Amino acid sequence: LYARAANVVRYEGPEHPRLLILLAAPKPGEPTGNFFQSPT
C-alpha cells in the first residue's frame, strides 16, 4: 500500500495520550509535525 509513497506520516504526540485525534490524511500544504500550530 505504501511502496510508492514518498513519505509515511508518523504519530505526533506524547507516549500515551489522553486524546488521540485521527484524521483521514495530511492536508496538502500543511507542515508535517506541526498540526497543533495550524488554525485547525
PDB file of all heavy atoms in Angstrom:
ATOM      1  N   LEU A   1       0.813  -1.210   0.000  1.00  0.00           N
ATOM      2  CA  LEU A   1       0.000   0.000   0.000  1.00  0.00           C
ATOM      3  C   LEU A   1       0.853   1.270   0.000  1.00  0.00           C
ATOM      4  O   LEU A   1       0.420   2.310  -0.517  1.00  0.00           O
ATOM      5  CB  LEU A   1      -0.939   0.001   1.208  1.00  0.00           C
ATOM      6  CG  LEU A   1      -2.132  -0.949   1.137  1.00  0.00           C
ATOM      7  CD1 LEU A   1      -2.870  -0.981   2.464  1.00  0.00           C
ATOM      8  CD2 LEU A   1      -3.081  -0.526   0.025  1.00  0.00           C
ATOM      9  N   TYR A   2       2.018   1.217   0.597  1.00  0.00           N
ATOM     10  CA  TYR A   2       2.850   2.409   0.720  1.00  0.00           C
ATOM     11  C   TYR A   2       4.221   2.230   0.047  1.00  0.00           C
ATOM     12  O   TYR A   2       5.149   2.975   0.345  1.00  0.00           O
ATOM     13  CB  TYR A   2       3.058   2.753   2.194  1.00  0.00           C
ATOM     14  CG  TYR A   2       1.778   3.097   2.911  1.00  0.00           C
ATOM     15  CD1 TYR A   2       1.252   2.241   3.875  1.00  0.00           C
ATOM     16  CD2 TYR A   2       1.088   4.265   2.615  1.00  0.00           C
ATOM     17  CE1 TYR A   2       0.071   2.551   4.531  1.00  0.00           C
ATOM     18  CE2 TYR A   2      -0.090   4.586   3.266  1.00  0.00           C
ATOM     19  CZ  TYR A   2      -0.594   3.726   4.222  1.00  0.00           C
ATOM     20  OH  TYR A   2      -1.775   4.027   4.869  1.00  0.00           O
ATOM     21  N   ALA A   3       4.332   1.273  -0.847  1.00  0.00           N
ATOM     22  CA  ALA A   3       5.618   1.036  -1.502  1.00  0.00           C
ATOM     23  C   ALA A   3       6.029   2.226  -2.369  1.00  0.00           C
ATOM     24  O   ALA A   3       7.224   2.523  -2.499  1.00  0.00           O
ATOM     25  CB  ALA A   3       5.548  -0.238  -2.339  1.00  0.00           C
ATOM     26  N   ARG A   4       5.056   2.930  -2.950  1.00  0.00           N
ATOM     27  CA  ARG A   4       5.365   4.068  -3.815  1.00  0.00           C
ATOM     28  C   ARG A   4       5.188   5.407  -3.110  1.00  0.00           C
ATOM     29  O   ARG A   4       5.312   6.457  -3.751  1.00  0.00           O
ATOM     30  CB  ARG A   4       4.469   4.028  -5.060  1.00  0.00           C
ATOM     31  CG  ARG A   4       4.664   2.785  -5.921  1.00  0.00           C
ATOM     32  CD  ARG A   4       3.772   2.838  -7.151  1.00  0.00           C
ATOM     33  NE  ARG A   4       3.950   1.656  -7.985  1.00  0.00           N
ATOM     34  CZ  ARG A   4       3.289   1.445  -9.127  1.00  0.00           C
ATOM     35  NH1 ARG A   4       2.415   2.366  -9.560  1.00  0.00           N
ATOM     36  NH2 ARG A   4       3.501   0.353  -9.829  1.00  0.00           N
ATOM     37  N   ALA A   5       4.870   5.402  -1.822  1.00  0.00           N
ATOM     38  CA  ALA A   5       4.670   6.654  -1.093  1.00  0.00           C
ATOM     39  C   ALA A   5       6.011   7.335  -0.846  1.00  0.00           C
ATOM     40  O   ALA A   5       6.997   6.697  -0.484  1.00  0.00           O
ATOM     41  CB  ALA A   5       3.968   6.386   0.233  1.00  0.00           C
ATOM     42  N   ALA A   6       6.025   8.651  -1.039  1.00  0.00           N
ATOM     43  CA  ALA A   6       7.260   9.400  -0.799  1.00  0.00           C
ATOM     44  C   ALA A   6       7.593   9.475   0.683  1.00  0.00           C
ATOM     45  O   ALA A   6       8.764   9.482   1.065  1.00  0.00           O
ATOM     46  CB  ALA A   6       7.124  10.809  -1.386  1.00  0.00           C
ATOM     47  N   ASN A   7       6.552   9.536   1.519  1.00  0.00           N
ATOM     48  CA  ASN A   7       6.764   9.651   2.954  1.00  0.00           C
ATOM     49  C   ASN A   7       5.595   9.013   3.686  1.00  0.00           C
ATOM     50  O   ASN A   7       4.440   9.175   3.277  1.00  0.00           O
ATOM     51  CB  ASN A   7       6.913  11.121   3.366  1.00  0.00           C
ATOM     52  CG  ASN A   7       7.215  11.273   4.849  1.00  0.00           C
ATOM     53  OD1 ASN A   7       7.830  10.385   5.447  1.00  0.00           O
ATOM     54  ND2 ASN A   7       6.793  12.380   5.424  1.00  0.00           N
ATOM     55  N   VAL A   8       5.875   8.297   4.751  1.00  0.00           N
ATOM     56  CA  VAL A   8       4.853   7.705   5.608  1.00  0.00           C
ATOM     57  C   VAL A   8       4.750   8.572   6.860  1.00  0.00           C
ATOM     58  O   VAL A   8       5.698   8.663   7.640  1.00  0.00           O
ATOM     59  CB  VAL A   8       5.200   6.242   5.968  1.00  0.00           C
ATOM     60  CG1 VAL A   8       4.196   5.696   6.972  1.00  0.00           C
ATOM     61  CG2 VAL A   8       5.208   5.380   4.714  1.00  0.00           C
ATOM     62  N   VAL A   9       3.602   9.239   7.014  1.00  0.00           N
ATOM     63  CA  VAL A   9       3.422  10.169   8.128  1.00  0.00           C
ATOM     64  C   VAL A   9       3.334   9.389   9.433  1.00  0.00           C
ATOM     65  O   VAL A   9       2.595   8.398   9.526  1.00  0.00           O
ATOM     66  CB  VAL A   9       2.165  11.030   7.917  1.00  0.00           C
ATOM     67  CG1 VAL A   9       2.009  12.050   9.037  1.00  0.00           C
ATOM     68  CG2 VAL A   9       2.229  11.733   6.574  1.00  0.00           C
ATOM     69  N   ARG A  10       4.046   9.847  10.454  1.00  0.00           N
ATOM     70  CA  ARG A  10       4.101   9.147  11.731  1.00  0.00           C
ATOM     71  C   ARG A  10       3.260   9.856  12.781  1.00  0.00           C
ATOM     72  O   ARG A  10       2.820  10.990  12.591  1.00  0.00           O
ATOM     73  CB  ARG A  10       5.555   9.028  12.209  1.00  0.00           C
ATOM     74  CG  ARG A  10       6.460   8.330  11.196  1.00  0.00           C
ATOM     75  CD  ARG A  10       7.760   7.898  11.808  1.00  0.00           C
ATOM     76  NE  ARG A  10       8.557   7.098  10.868  1.00  0.00           N
ATOM     77  CZ  ARG A  10       9.508   6.265  11.240  1.00  0.00           C
ATOM     78  NH1 ARG A  10       9.803   6.109  12.527  1.00  0.00           N
ATOM     79  NH2 ARG A  10      10.184   5.566  10.335  1.00  0.00           N
ATOM     80  N   TYR A  11       3.086   9.173  13.886  1.00  0.00           N
ATOM     81  CA  TYR A  11       2.311   9.709  15.004  1.00  0.00           C
ATOM     82  C   TYR A  11       3.037  10.899  15.616  1.00  0.00           C
ATOM     83  O   TYR A  11       4.263  10.918  15.746  1.00  0.00           O
ATOM     84  CB  TYR A  11       2.082   8.608  16.046  1.00  0.00           C
ATOM     85  CG  TYR A  11       1.677   9.114  17.410  1.00  0.00           C
ATOM     86  CD1 TYR A  11       0.409   9.614  17.633  1.00  0.00           C
ATOM     87  CD2 TYR A  11       2.585   9.080  18.467  1.00  0.00           C
ATOM     88  CE1 TYR A  11       0.039  10.082  18.883  1.00  0.00           C
ATOM     89  CE2 TYR A  11       2.220   9.535  19.724  1.00  0.00           C
ATOM     90  CZ  TYR A  11       0.946  10.036  19.929  1.00  0.00           C
ATOM     91  OH  TYR A  11       0.585  10.496  21.165  1.00  0.00           O
ATOM     92  N   GLU A  12       2.252  11.893  16.044  1.00  0.00           N
ATOM     93  CA  GLU A  12       2.790  13.087  16.694  1.00  0.00           C
ATOM     94  C   GLU A  12       2.090  13.268  18.036  1.00  0.00           C
ATOM     95  O   GLU A  12       0.857  13.398  18.088  1.00  0.00           O
ATOM     96  CB  GLU A  12       2.552  14.323  15.811  1.00  0.00           C
ATOM     97  CG  GLU A  12       2.945  15.638  16.460  1.00  0.00           C
ATOM     98  CD  GLU A  12       2.501  16.837  15.652  1.00  0.00           C
ATOM     99  OE1 GLU A  12       2.026  16.656  14.524  1.00  0.00           O
ATOM    100  OE2 GLU A  12       2.620  17.974  16.179  1.00  0.00           O
ATOM    101  N   GLY A  13       2.850  13.274  19.123  1.00  0.00           N
ATOM    102  CA  GLY A  13       2.264  13.473  20.434  1.00  0.00           C
ATOM    103  C   GLY A  13       3.018  12.735  21.516  1.00  0.00           C
ATOM    104  O   GLY A  13       4.094  12.157  21.278  1.00  0.00           O
ATOM    105  N   PRO A  14       2.467  12.711  22.747  1.00  0.00           N
ATOM    106  CA  PRO A  14       3.124  12.025  23.870  1.00  0.00           C
ATOM    107  C   PRO A  14       3.064  10.513  23.711  1.00  0.00           C
ATOM    108  O   PRO A  14       2.428   9.985  22.789  1.00  0.00           O
ATOM    109  CB  PRO A  14       2.331  12.505  25.085  1.00  0.00           C
ATOM    110  CG  PRO A  14       0.986  12.848  24.533  1.00  0.00           C
ATOM    111  CD  PRO A  14       1.213  13.375  23.157  1.00  0.00           C
ATOM    112  N   GLU A  15       3.702   9.820  24.634  1.00  0.00           N
ATOM    113  CA  GLU A  15       3.790   8.357  24.530  1.00  0.00           C
ATOM    114  C   GLU A  15       2.424   7.697  24.670  1.00  0.00           C
ATOM    115  O   GLU A  15       2.061   6.822  23.881  1.00  0.00           O
ATOM    116  CB  GLU A  15       4.741   7.829  25.602  1.00  0.00           C
ATOM    117  CG  GLU A  15       4.988   6.323  25.504  1.00  0.00           C
ATOM    118  CD  GLU A  15       5.994   5.845  26.530  1.00  0.00           C
ATOM    119  OE1 GLU A  15       6.519   6.693  27.274  1.00  0.00           O
ATOM    120  OE2 GLU A  15       6.260   4.630  26.583  1.00  0.00           O
ATOM    121  N   HIS A  16       1.657   8.095  25.669  1.00  0.00           N
ATOM    122  CA  HIS A  16       0.306   7.559  25.864  1.00  0.00           C
ATOM    123  C   HIS A  16      -0.644   8.740  26.045  1.00  0.00           C
ATOM    124  O   HIS A  16      -0.875   9.197  27.168  1.00  0.00           O
ATOM    125  CB  HIS A  16       0.250   6.627  27.085  1.00  0.00           C
ATOM    126  CG  HIS A  16       1.151   5.437  26.977  1.00  0.00           C
ATOM    127  ND1 HIS A  16       0.981   4.470  26.006  1.00  0.00           N
ATOM    128  CD2 HIS A  16       2.237   5.060  27.692  1.00  0.00           C
ATOM    129  CE1 HIS A  16       1.913   3.541  26.135  1.00  0.00           C
ATOM    130  NE2 HIS A  16       2.694   3.882  27.157  1.00  0.00           N
ATOM    131  N   PRO A  17      -1.195   9.274  24.962  1.00  0.00           N
ATOM    132  CA  PRO A  17      -2.032  10.477  25.058  1.00  0.00           C
ATOM    133  C   PRO A  17      -3.389  10.170  25.689  1.00  0.00           C
ATOM    134  O   PRO A  17      -3.890   9.043  25.623  1.00  0.00           O
ATOM    135  CB  PRO A  17      -2.185  10.911  23.603  1.00  0.00           C
ATOM    136  CG  PRO A  17      -2.110   9.621  22.843  1.00  0.00           C
ATOM    137  CD  PRO A  17      -1.116   8.769  23.585  1.00  0.00           C
ATOM    138  N   ARG A  18      -3.958  11.192  26.308  1.00  0.00           N
ATOM    139  CA  ARG A  18      -5.318  11.048  26.813  1.00  0.00           C
ATOM    140  C   ARG A  18      -6.318  11.072  25.662  1.00  0.00           C
ATOM    141  O   ARG A  18      -7.309  10.345  25.689  1.00  0.00           O
ATOM    142  CB  ARG A  18      -5.623  12.160  27.816  1.00  0.00           C
ATOM    143  CG  ARG A  18      -4.746  12.165  29.060  1.00  0.00           C
ATOM    144  CD  ARG A  18      -5.195  13.243  30.027  1.00  0.00           C
ATOM    145  NE  ARG A  18      -6.560  13.007  30.469  1.00  0.00           N
ATOM    146  CZ  ARG A  18      -7.293  13.917  31.128  1.00  0.00           C
ATOM    147  NH1 ARG A  18      -6.782  15.114  31.382  1.00  0.00           N
ATOM    148  NH2 ARG A  18      -8.529  13.631  31.504  1.00  0.00           N
ATOM    149  N   LEU A  19      -6.083  11.919  24.663  1.00  0.00           N
ATOM    150  CA  LEU A  19      -6.938  12.007  23.482  1.00  0.00           C
ATOM    151  C   LEU A  19      -6.073  11.834  22.242  1.00  0.00           C
ATOM    152  O   LEU A  19      -5.058  12.517  22.093  1.00  0.00           O
ATOM    153  CB  LEU A  19      -7.658  13.355  23.418  1.00  0.00           C
ATOM    154  CG  LEU A  19      -8.704  13.662  24.491  1.00  0.00           C
ATOM    155  CD1 LEU A  19      -9.334  15.028  24.236  1.00  0.00           C
ATOM    156  CD2 LEU A  19      -9.766  12.590  24.550  1.00  0.00           C
ATOM    157  N   LEU A  20      -6.479  10.928  21.379  1.00  0.00           N
ATOM    158  CA  LEU A  20      -5.800  10.724  20.096  1.00  0.00           C
ATOM    159  C   LEU A  20      -6.719  11.209  18.991  1.00  0.00           C
ATOM    160  O   LEU A  20      -7.833  10.697  18.821  1.00  0.00           O
ATOM    161  CB  LEU A  20      -5.457   9.252  19.877  1.00  0.00           C
ATOM    162  CG  LEU A  20      -4.853   8.920  18.509  1.00  0.00           C
ATOM    163  CD1 LEU A  20      -3.504   9.623  18.326  1.00  0.00           C
ATOM    164  CD2 LEU A  20      -4.706   7.420  18.325  1.00  0.00           C
ATOM    165  N   ILE A  21      -6.271  12.200  18.237  1.00  0.00           N
ATOM    166  CA  ILE A  21      -7.036  12.743  17.119  1.00  0.00           C
ATOM    167  C   ILE A  21      -6.656  11.949  15.874  1.00  0.00           C
ATOM    168  O   ILE A  21      -5.481  11.865  15.508  1.00  0.00           O
ATOM    169  CB  ILE A  21      -6.730  14.235  16.936  1.00  0.00           C
ATOM    170  CG1 ILE A  21      -7.199  15.010  18.171  1.00  0.00           C
ATOM    171  CG2 ILE A  21      -7.401  14.778  15.680  1.00  0.00           C
ATOM    172  CD1 ILE A  21      -6.781  16.466  18.172  1.00  0.00           C
ATOM    173  N   LEU A  22      -7.671  11.364  15.225  1.00  0.00           N
ATOM    174  CA  LEU A  22      -7.451  10.596  13.999  1.00  0.00           C
ATOM    175  C   LEU A  22      -8.072  11.351  12.838  1.00  0.00           C
ATOM    176  O   LEU A  22      -9.289  11.549  12.792  1.00  0.00           O
ATOM    177  CB  LEU A  22      -8.074   9.201  14.117  1.00  0.00           C
ATOM    178  CG  LEU A  22      -7.930   8.312  12.874  1.00  0.00           C
ATOM    179  CD1 LEU A  22      -6.464   7.954  12.639  1.00  0.00           C
ATOM    180  CD2 LEU A  22      -8.762   7.045  13.001  1.00  0.00           C
ATOM    181  N   LEU A  23      -7.235  11.794  11.919  1.00  0.00           N
ATOM    182  CA  LEU A  23      -7.694  12.444  10.703  1.00  0.00           C
ATOM    183  C   LEU A  23      -7.489  11.505   9.520  1.00  0.00           C
ATOM    184  O   LEU A  23      -6.758  10.513   9.619  1.00  0.00           O
ATOM    185  CB  LEU A  23      -6.940  13.752  10.473  1.00  0.00           C
ATOM    186  CG  LEU A  23      -7.094  14.814  11.568  1.00  0.00           C
ATOM    187  CD1 LEU A  23      -6.284  16.058  11.212  1.00  0.00           C
ATOM    188  CD2 LEU A  23      -8.554  15.169  11.794  1.00  0.00           C
ATOM    189  N   ALA A  24      -8.145  11.839   8.398  1.00  0.00           N
ATOM    190  CA  ALA A  24      -8.067  10.947   7.229  1.00  0.00           C
ATOM    191  C   ALA A  24      -6.659  10.932   6.656  1.00  0.00           C
ATOM    192  O   ALA A  24      -6.061   9.867   6.473  1.00  0.00           O
ATOM    193  CB  ALA A  24      -9.079  11.385   6.182  1.00  0.00           C
ATOM    194  N   ALA A  25      -6.103  12.109   6.385  1.00  0.00           N
ATOM    195  CA  ALA A  25      -4.772  12.207   5.762  1.00  0.00           C
ATOM    196  C   ALA A  25      -4.249  13.614   5.978  1.00  0.00           C
ATOM    197  O   ALA A  25      -5.020  14.538   6.266  1.00  0.00           O
ATOM    198  CB  ALA A  25      -4.841  11.872   4.271  1.00  0.00           C
ATOM    199  N   PRO A  26      -2.954  13.816   5.859  1.00  0.00           N
ATOM    200  CA  PRO A  26      -2.411  15.169   5.990  1.00  0.00           C
ATOM    201  C   PRO A  26      -2.982  16.088   4.913  1.00  0.00           C
ATOM    202  O   PRO A  26      -3.133  15.707   3.757  1.00  0.00           O
ATOM    203  CB  PRO A  26      -0.903  14.971   5.817  1.00  0.00           C
ATOM    204  CG  PRO A  26      -0.662  13.528   6.103  1.00  0.00           C
ATOM    205  CD  PRO A  26      -1.886  12.801   5.675  1.00  0.00           C
ATOM    206  N   LYS A  27      -3.297  17.306   5.304  1.00  0.00           N
ATOM    207  CA  LYS A  27      -3.836  18.271   4.356  1.00  0.00           C
ATOM    208  C   LYS A  27      -2.714  18.800   3.472  1.00  0.00           C
ATOM    209  O   LYS A  27      -1.633  19.110   3.975  1.00  0.00           O
ATOM    210  CB  LYS A  27      -4.509  19.413   5.110  1.00  0.00           C
ATOM    211  CG  LYS A  27      -5.306  20.352   4.225  1.00  0.00           C
ATOM    212  CD  LYS A  27      -6.027  21.401   5.041  1.00  0.00           C
ATOM    213  CE  LYS A  27      -6.843  22.318   4.150  1.00  0.00           C
ATOM    214  NZ  LYS A  27      -7.546  23.361   4.949  1.00  0.00           N
ATOM    215  N   PRO A  28      -2.928  18.888   2.161  1.00  0.00           N
ATOM    216  CA  PRO A  28      -1.866  19.405   1.284  1.00  0.00           C
ATOM    217  C   PRO A  28      -1.449  20.817   1.696  1.00  0.00           C
ATOM    218  O   PRO A  28      -2.275  21.693   1.956  1.00  0.00           O
ATOM    219  CB  PRO A  28      -2.515  19.386  -0.107  1.00  0.00           C
ATOM    220  CG  PRO A  28      -3.602  18.368  -0.005  1.00  0.00           C
ATOM    221  CD  PRO A  28      -4.107  18.442   1.407  1.00  0.00           C
ATOM    222  N   GLY A  29      -0.158  21.040   1.793  1.00  0.00           N
ATOM    223  CA  GLY A  29       0.368  22.330   2.177  1.00  0.00           C
ATOM    224  C   GLY A  29       0.527  22.531   3.666  1.00  0.00           C
ATOM    225  O   GLY A  29       1.096  23.545   4.089  1.00  0.00           O
ATOM    226  N   GLU A  30       0.026  21.603   4.472  1.00  0.00           N
ATOM    227  CA  GLU A  30       0.154  21.729   5.918  1.00  0.00           C
ATOM    228  C   GLU A  30       1.489  21.141   6.362  1.00  0.00           C
ATOM    229  O   GLU A  30       1.830  20.021   5.986  1.00  0.00           O
ATOM    230  CB  GLU A  30      -1.004  20.996   6.599  1.00  0.00           C
ATOM    231  CG  GLU A  30      -1.143  21.280   8.074  1.00  0.00           C
ATOM    232  CD  GLU A  30      -2.419  20.644   8.618  1.00  0.00           C
ATOM    233  OE1 GLU A  30      -2.453  19.398   8.729  1.00  0.00           O
ATOM    234  OE2 GLU A  30      -3.377  21.368   8.905  1.00  0.00           O
ATOM    235  N   PRO A  31       2.260  21.851   7.185  1.00  0.00           N
ATOM    236  CA  PRO A  31       3.570  21.323   7.584  1.00  0.00           C
ATOM    237  C   PRO A  31       3.430  20.073   8.438  1.00  0.00           C
ATOM    238  O   PRO A  31       2.622  20.015   9.368  1.00  0.00           O
ATOM    239  CB  PRO A  31       4.203  22.480   8.362  1.00  0.00           C
ATOM    240  CG  PRO A  31       3.046  23.322   8.810  1.00  0.00           C
ATOM    241  CD  PRO A  31       2.001  23.180   7.749  1.00  0.00           C
ATOM    242  N   THR A  32       4.189  19.046   8.122  1.00  0.00           N
ATOM    243  CA  THR A  32       4.131  17.788   8.856  1.00  0.00           C
ATOM    244  C   THR A  32       4.839  17.937  10.199  1.00  0.00           C
ATOM    245  O   THR A  32       5.928  18.490  10.282  1.00  0.00           O
ATOM    246  CB  THR A  32       4.796  16.668   8.040  1.00  0.00           C
ATOM    247  OG1 THR A  32       4.183  16.603   6.751  1.00  0.00           O
ATOM    248  CG2 THR A  32       4.638  15.332   8.740  1.00  0.00           C
ATOM    249  N   GLY A  33       4.188  17.444  11.238  1.00  0.00           N
ATOM    250  CA  GLY A  33       4.761  17.514  12.565  1.00  0.00           C
ATOM    251  C   GLY A  33       4.378  18.741  13.355  1.00  0.00           C
ATOM    252  O   GLY A  33       4.758  18.856  14.523  1.00  0.00           O
ATOM    253  N   ASN A  34       3.613  19.682  12.759  1.00  0.00           N
ATOM    254  CA  ASN A  34       3.197  20.900  13.457  1.00  0.00           C
ATOM    255  C   ASN A  34       1.693  21.112  13.316  1.00  0.00           C
ATOM    256  O   ASN A  34       1.233  22.227  13.065  1.00  0.00           O
ATOM    257  CB  ASN A  34       3.953  22.116  12.915  1.00  0.00           C
ATOM    258  CG  ASN A  34       5.443  22.029  13.170  1.00  0.00           C
ATOM    259  OD1 ASN A  34       5.876  21.663  14.259  1.00  0.00           O
ATOM    260  ND2 ASN A  34       6.241  22.361  12.152  1.00  0.00           N
ATOM    261  N   PHE A  35       0.917  20.042  13.451  1.00  0.00           N
ATOM    262  CA  PHE A  35      -0.525  20.176  13.255  1.00  0.00           C
ATOM    263  C   PHE A  35      -1.146  21.103  14.292  1.00  0.00           C
ATOM    264  O   PHE A  35      -2.033  21.905  13.970  1.00  0.00           O
ATOM    265  CB  PHE A  35      -1.186  18.796  13.316  1.00  0.00           C
ATOM    266  CG  PHE A  35      -2.689  18.862  13.365  1.00  0.00           C
ATOM    267  CD1 PHE A  35      -3.424  19.109  12.211  1.00  0.00           C
ATOM    268  CD2 PHE A  35      -3.375  18.689  14.561  1.00  0.00           C
ATOM    269  CE1 PHE A  35      -4.807  19.185  12.252  1.00  0.00           C
ATOM    270  CE2 PHE A  35      -4.760  18.750  14.605  1.00  0.00           C
ATOM    271  CZ  PHE A  35      -5.475  19.001  13.449  1.00  0.00           C
ATOM    272  N   PHE A  36      -0.712  21.009  15.544  1.00  0.00           N
ATOM    273  CA  PHE A  36      -1.347  21.791  16.600  1.00  0.00           C
ATOM    274  C   PHE A  36      -0.962  23.267  16.530  1.00  0.00           C
ATOM    275  O   PHE A  36      -1.455  24.067  17.321  1.00  0.00           O
ATOM    276  CB  PHE A  36      -0.979  21.213  17.970  1.00  0.00           C
ATOM    277  CG  PHE A  36      -1.580  19.861  18.208  1.00  0.00           C
ATOM    278  CD1 PHE A  36      -0.791  18.720  18.184  1.00  0.00           C
ATOM    279  CD2 PHE A  36      -2.935  19.703  18.434  1.00  0.00           C
ATOM    280  CE1 PHE A  36      -1.338  17.461  18.402  1.00  0.00           C
ATOM    281  CE2 PHE A  36      -3.496  18.460  18.634  1.00  0.00           C
ATOM    282  CZ  PHE A  36      -2.698  17.334  18.621  1.00  0.00           C
ATOM    283  N   GLN A  37      -0.065  23.655  15.613  1.00  0.00           N
ATOM    284  CA  GLN A  37       0.211  25.061  15.365  1.00  0.00           C
ATOM    285  C   GLN A  37      -0.592  25.604  14.180  1.00  0.00           C
ATOM    286  O   GLN A  37      -0.526  26.799  13.879  1.00  0.00           O
ATOM    287  CB  GLN A  37       1.704  25.271  15.096  1.00  0.00           C
ATOM    288  CG  GLN A  37       2.569  25.259  16.348  1.00  0.00           C
ATOM    289  CD  GLN A  37       2.717  23.883  16.958  1.00  0.00           C
ATOM    290  OE1 GLN A  37       2.928  22.910  16.229  1.00  0.00           O
ATOM    291  NE2 GLN A  37       2.625  23.792  18.274  1.00  0.00           N
ATOM    292  N   SER A  38      -1.359  24.747  13.517  1.00  0.00           N
ATOM    293  CA  SER A  38      -2.202  25.180  12.409  1.00  0.00           C
ATOM    294  C   SER A  38      -3.514  25.741  12.956  1.00  0.00           C
ATOM    295  O   SER A  38      -3.854  25.530  14.122  1.00  0.00           O
ATOM    296  CB  SER A  38      -2.481  24.001  11.469  1.00  0.00           C
ATOM    297  OG  SER A  38      -3.252  23.015  12.133  1.00  0.00           O
ATOM    298  N   PRO A  39      -4.293  26.494  12.152  1.00  0.00           N
ATOM    299  CA  PRO A  39      -5.580  27.025  12.646  1.00  0.00           C
ATOM    300  C   PRO A  39      -6.524  25.935  13.141  1.00  0.00           C
ATOM    301  O   PRO A  39      -7.177  26.097  14.178  1.00  0.00           O
ATOM    302  CB  PRO A  39      -6.145  27.749  11.419  1.00  0.00           C
ATOM    303  CG  PRO A  39      -4.946  28.117  10.618  1.00  0.00           C
ATOM    304  CD  PRO A  39      -3.964  27.003  10.812  1.00  0.00           C
ATOM    305  N   THR A  40      -6.597  24.814  12.436  1.00  0.00           N
ATOM    306  CA  THR A  40      -7.471  23.729  12.883  1.00  0.00           C
ATOM    307  C   THR A  40      -6.945  23.096  14.161  1.00  0.00           C
ATOM    308  O   THR A  40      -7.720  22.784  15.084  1.00  0.00           O
ATOM    309  CB  THR A  40      -7.596  22.670  11.782  1.00  0.00           C
ATOM    310  OG1 THR A  40      -8.103  23.273  10.592  1.00  0.00           O
ATOM    311  CG2 THR A  40      -8.539  21.551  12.206  1.00  0.00           C
TER     312      THR A  40
END
